[in-house]
Amino acid sequence: MPTPAEDQGARDRLLEAYQPFLQADLGRGHLLRLSQRRLEWIPGAQRKPMILPIAALRCFCLAQRPMWEALAVGALLICAGALVGFWVLRLIFAALFLLAAVACFAQRQYTLRLRLRSGELVEIPLGFGTARSAQAQRVQSVWATLSEELKGLGVTLAGAEARSGSG
């Protein structure tokens, strides 16, 4: 039978395993926390956090892709330009389409992809921005630290084909 002091020590070790040792603030209330037992994604103050046990994680990677959503706006601009009769408006819509295309390929969407042992894929949006933006640099910094810590906890880094993320 354990003594009260030993019992308290076991309780403290258990509680410590759930205390986050890594917390990343990704802006707009988005937090990523890592403890020895779980990974927590808090998507904002008003939304429910997602908690994933470390034991349930098979592998992980950082996916990057262009902001394809900007091309959808560009397609609407082209359609609007085709419908108007004034050449000045067509020129404005064409210029706006070019800006949407530049926005699509100049920015990147960053997503943490987690493959669970059950086979399920969980994607956590980390942010978007141009390569030199503060948000992209923050994501890269979080990725550098998080990837090392997850590997240290026994989670496998997925192959290079998953990192390029085609969309």
Foldseek 3Di string as FASTA:
>chain_A
DDDPVVVVVVVVVVVQQPDFPDWADLDQAWIWTDGLFWIWTDHHDPDDIDIDTLLFFAEKEKAKAFQCVLQVVLVVLCVVLVPDDDVVSVVVSVVSSVVSVCNRVQKMWIWMWTQTPVRDIDIDTRGMDGCPDPSNVSVVVCCVVVVVVSVVSPHHYDDPVVHHHHD
